[in-house]
Protein backbone atom coordinates (compact mmCIF):
# COMPACT_ATOMS: atom_id res chain seq x y z
CA MET A 1 0.35 -0.20 0.08
CA GLU A 2 1.67 3.76 -0.96
CA LYS A 3 -0.61 5.52 0.76
CA LEU A 4 -3.66 4.63 3.50
CA LYS A 5 -6.34 7.31 2.13
CA LEU A 6 -8.98 8.48 4.74
CA GLN A 7 -12.30 10.46 4.85
CA LYS A 8 -14.02 11.89 7.81
CA ARG A 9 -16.98 10.25 9.33
CA GLU A 10 -20.10 11.70 10.53
CA VAL A 11 -21.84 8.38 11.45
CA VAL A 12 -21.14 7.01 15.07
CA GLY A 13 -22.25 4.85 17.26
CA LYS A 14 -24.27 1.82 16.54
CA LYS A 15 -25.29 2.94 12.99
CA VAL A 16 -21.54 2.75 11.81
CA ARG A 17 -22.72 -0.89 11.58
CA HIS A 18 -24.08 -0.38 8.52
CA LEU A 19 -21.15 0.89 6.82
CA ARG A 20 -19.16 -2.08 5.88
CA GLN A 21 -22.00 -3.19 4.20
CA LYS A 22 -21.34 -0.59 1.83
CA GLY A 23 -17.38 -1.09 1.47
CA LEU A 24 -16.62 1.09 4.27
CA THR A 25 -14.70 0.52 7.64
CA PRO A 26 -15.31 3.43 10.66
CA ALA A 27 -11.85 3.93 12.10
CA VAL A 28 -10.40 6.52 14.11
CA VAL A 29 -7.10 8.77 14.16
CA TYR A 30 -5.65 9.66 17.64
CA ASN A 31 -2.59 11.97 17.74
CA ALA A 32 -0.25 12.79 21.05
CA LYS A 33 -2.44 15.70 22.62
CA GLY A 34 -5.15 13.57 23.00
CA GLU A 35 -7.56 14.57 19.70
CA SER A 36 -9.35 12.13 17.55
CA ILE A 37 -11.23 12.58 14.50
CA ASN A 38 -13.52 9.79 13.10
CA THR A 39 -12.99 8.62 9.79
CA LEU A 40 -13.65 6.05 7.06
CA MET A 41 -11.44 3.93 4.96
CA SER A 42 -12.37 1.13 2.29
CA ASN A 43 -13.11 -2.64 3.20
CA SER A 44 -10.20 -3.85 1.20
CA ASP A 45 -7.59 -1.18 3.13
CA ALA A 46 -8.45 -2.11 6.18
CA ASP A 47 -8.16 -6.10 5.91
CA TRP A 48 -4.95 -5.20 4.00
CA LEU A 49 -4.00 -3.47 7.11
CA TYR A 50 -5.30 -6.16 9.39
CA ARG A 51 -2.71 -8.76 7.01
CA ASN A 52 0.24 -6.85 6.65
CA THR A 53 1.32 -3.93 9.23
CA THR A 54 3.01 -4.74 12.49
CA SER A 55 3.01 -2.37 15.77
CA THR A 56 6.43 -0.64 13.22
CA THR A 57 5.00 -0.66 10.10
CA ILE A 58 4.51 3.14 8.92
CA LEU A 59 1.86 4.48 6.93
CA ASP A 60 1.84 7.34 4.48
CA THR A 61 -1.86 8.11 5.43
CA GLN A 62 -3.84 11.15 3.73
CA LEU A 63 -6.86 12.96 5.28
CA ASP A 64 -8.66 15.53 2.92
CA LYS A 65 -5.75 17.83 2.05
CA ASP A 66 -3.53 16.73 5.12
CA SER A 67 -0.97 14.26 4.45
CA TYR A 68 1.44 12.83 7.87
CA LYS A 69 2.25 9.16 9.09
CA THR A 70 0.12 6.52 11.50
CA LEU A 71 0.60 3.40 13.21
CA VAL A 72 -1.95 0.61 13.58
CA LYS A 73 -2.70 0.31 17.42
CA GLU A 74 -5.79 -1.32 17.07
CA PHE A 75 -8.57 -3.43 15.27
CA SER A 76 -11.54 -4.33 17.18
CA ILE A 77 -12.79 -7.89 15.06
CA ASN A 78 -16.57 -9.99 14.87
CA PRO A 79 -15.43 -12.89 16.93
CA VAL A 80 -18.12 -14.50 14.61
CA THR A 81 -18.17 -13.31 11.39
CA GLU A 82 -14.48 -11.89 11.59
CA GLU A 83 -14.89 -9.13 9.70
CA ILE A 84 -12.93 -5.79 10.99
CA ASN A 85 -15.44 -3.52 12.54
CA HIS A 86 -13.24 -0.74 13.55
CA VAL A 87 -9.56 0.19 12.77
CA SER A 88 -7.56 2.62 15.68
CA LEU A 89 -4.04 4.64 14.09
CA PHE A 90 -1.84 7.03 15.72
CA GLN A 91 -0.77 10.22 14.39
CA ILE A 92 3.12 10.07 14.66
CA ASP A 93 4.69 13.34 15.77
CA GLU A 94 8.17 13.22 13.62
CA ASN A 95 9.96 15.12 15.53
CA ALA A 96 8.85 13.96 19.01
CA PRO A 97 9.86 10.96 21.01
CA MET A 98 6.65 8.50 21.62
CA VAL A 99 6.14 4.80 22.93
CA PHE A 100 6.00 1.99 20.18
CA THR A 101 6.84 -1.24 20.92
CA ILE A 102 9.85 -3.21 19.23
CA PRO A 103 9.37 -6.85 18.46
CA PHE A 104 12.70 -9.36 19.30
CA ASN A 105 13.91 -11.37 16.05
CA LEU A 106 16.02 -14.10 17.42
CA THR A 107 19.31 -14.90 15.20
CA GLY A 108 21.57 -17.56 15.24
CA ILE A 109 21.88 -21.20 16.42
CA SER A 110 21.71 -22.50 20.51
CA PRO A 111 24.60 -25.03 20.76
CA ALA A 112 22.25 -26.75 23.72
CA VAL A 113 19.73 -26.47 21.52
CA LYS A 114 21.68 -28.09 18.64
CA ASN A 115 22.88 -30.42 20.66
CA ASN A 116 19.69 -32.27 22.24
CA LEU A 117 20.81 -30.46 25.77
CA GLY A 118 17.74 -28.54 26.55
CA VAL A 119 14.30 -26.57 24.98
CA LEU A 120 14.53 -22.86 24.23
CA VAL A 121 12.25 -21.21 26.06
CA ASN A 122 10.93 -17.71 24.23
CA VAL A 123 9.64 -15.19 26.93
CA LEU A 124 9.16 -12.16 26.30
CA ASP A 125 8.11 -11.01 22.34
CA SER A 126 8.74 -7.21 22.69
CA ILE A 127 9.09 -4.46 24.50
CA ASP A 128 8.55 -1.09 25.00
CA VAL A 129 10.57 1.58 24.16
CA LYS A 130 10.99 5.33 23.34
CA CYS A 131 12.09 6.76 20.68
CA LYS A 132 11.39 9.56 17.55
CA LEU A 133 10.07 8.27 14.20
CA SER A 134 13.90 8.26 12.85
CA GLU A 135 15.57 6.24 15.01
CA LEU A 136 12.80 3.54 15.06
CA GLN A 137 13.84 0.10 14.04
CA PRO A 138 11.43 -2.54 12.65
CA TYR A 139 12.61 -5.05 15.67
CA ILE A 140 16.28 -5.71 18.26
CA GLU A 141 17.92 -8.57 16.94
CA ILE A 142 19.01 -11.00 19.41
CA ASP A 143 21.96 -14.00 19.14
CA ILE A 144 20.80 -16.97 20.64
CA SER A 145 24.36 -18.43 19.67
CA SER A 146 25.77 -18.05 22.97
CA LEU A 147 23.15 -20.14 24.88
CA GLU A 148 25.32 -23.40 25.69
CA ASN A 149 23.60 -24.99 28.52
CA VAL A 150 20.87 -25.37 30.63
CA GLY A 151 19.98 -22.57 32.60
CA GLN A 152 20.95 -20.01 30.05
CA ASN A 153 19.05 -16.93 29.15
CA ILE A 154 19.10 -13.48 27.92
CA ASN A 155 17.85 -10.64 29.86
CA VAL A 156 17.06 -7.33 28.10
CA ASP A 157 20.16 -5.32 30.31
CA ASP A 158 22.02 -8.10 28.29
CA ILE A 159 21.59 -6.12 24.86
CA LYS A 160 22.43 -3.03 23.39
CA LEU A 161 19.38 -1.21 22.54
CA PRO A 162 19.00 0.78 18.70
CA LYS A 163 21.10 4.30 19.32
CA GLY A 164 17.91 6.89 20.29
CA MET A 165 15.97 4.04 21.87
CA SER A 166 15.19 3.39 25.47
CA LEU A 167 13.14 1.45 28.06
CA ILE A 168 9.32 2.66 29.20
CA ASN A 169 9.84 0.64 32.10
CA ASP A 170 13.08 0.41 33.68
CA ASP A 171 11.51 -2.73 35.78
CA LEU A 172 11.87 -4.73 32.80
CA ALA A 173 15.61 -4.39 32.38
CA ASN A 174 15.61 -7.24 34.60
CA ALA A 175 12.87 -9.21 32.65
CA THR A 176 14.34 -12.63 30.72
CA ILE A 177 14.31 -13.07 26.59
CA VAL A 178 14.90 -16.65 26.24
CA THR A 179 16.28 -19.38 27.86
CA ILE A 180 17.44 -22.49 28.21
CA THR A 181 15.46 -25.26 29.76
CA GLU A 182 15.65 -28.89 30.01
CA ILE A 183 14.13 -31.50 27.57
CA GLN A 184 10.86 -33.46 29.68
CA LYS A 185 11.62 -36.98 29.43
CA ILE A 186 8.05 -39.11 29.21
CA GLU A 187 7.86 -41.52 31.71
CA GLU A 188 6.42 -44.58 29.67
CA VAL A 189 3.82 -46.85 32.62
CA GLU A 190 4.04 -50.54 31.50
CA THR A 191 0.45 -52.48 31.99
CA PRO A 192 0.72 -55.83 33.23
CA VAL A 193 -0.06 -58.68 30.86
CA ALA A 194 -2.34 -61.29 31.89
CA GLU A 195 -0.98 -64.65 31.44
CA GLU A 196 -2.02 -66.85 29.09
CA GLY A 197 -3.81 -70.02 29.71
CA VAL A 198 -4.59 -69.03 33.38
CA GLU A 199 -8.17 -68.58 33.83
CA GLY A 200 -8.23 -72.04 32.03
CA GLU A 201 -6.14 -73.96 34.90
CA GLU A 202 -8.01 -72.51 37.89
CA ALA A 203 -10.98 -73.73 36.30
CA LEU A 204 -9.46 -77.46 35.76
CA ALA A 205 -7.97 -77.70 38.89
CA GLU A 206 -11.63 -77.77 40.53
CA GLY A 207 -12.24 -81.02 38.63
CA GLU A 208 -10.37 -83.55 36.84
CA VAL A 209 -8.42 -83.12 34.24
CA PRO A 210 -9.00 -84.39 30.88
CA ALA A 211 -6.72 -87.69 29.54
CA GLU A 212 -4.96 -86.08 26.95
CA GLY A 213 -6.68 -85.99 23.20
CA GLU A 214 -10.41 -85.97 25.27
CA VAL A 215 -12.76 -82.63 26.00
CA GLN A 216 -14.85 -82.74 29.10
CA THR A 217 -18.23 -81.76 28.12
CA PRO A 218 -21.03 -81.07 30.41
CA GLN A 219 -22.86 -84.11 28.77
CA SER A 220 -20.31 -86.83 29.42
CA THR A 221 -20.04 -85.34 33.28
CA GLN A 222 -23.77 -86.26 33.50
CA GLU A 223 -23.64 -89.83 32.19
CA GLU A 224 -20.58 -90.63 34.47
CA ASN A 225 -22.78 -89.46 37.72
CA LYS A 226 -25.33 -92.09 36.28
CA LYS A 227 -22.97 -95.16 36.50
């Protein structure tokens, strides 16, 4: 998409549910000042945004004669039809730092995983940072090739943030991004198998054992009793 085209929206409230039938999806554009503008976009543009954008995708946006850059902040999805009910956008002030959610991108191969010593667990997928638009990176690379043994991990304070980026929450400095845990062994429980012929042997123990080649039947037993 080269440019996201919006138009101002007058319809609000419950009436907006009829807009999608006309090929339109309601949206709203917020800015850092707390202001908002009710807008519309085409259904096809809304579907494209849902399939292709991430938390760091910058959109060239046009609203009437105004042009600016935006980020997709949230989609409201109908749980039954899975159609997009609403899109929330945020207008970027290119000259001021703002908060971005940056995903982590794992690179390299962990020797612990390669040698079947442990399992890699991804604990933290992304982190909130503050930076200007010009300093924004699509992701932060995490090299996992140093993870050689079970119990090793990489924390937020182990990585170097790209230039211009700073943590929003200092409490996350010690948070674990990835760790190596032990491989869980599945213990097989053996089911006891009954020995063949046990029931038959017990039954014969109560009476006579038939001679070789002879089969004991209820009828033959009655005739023997008469004798």
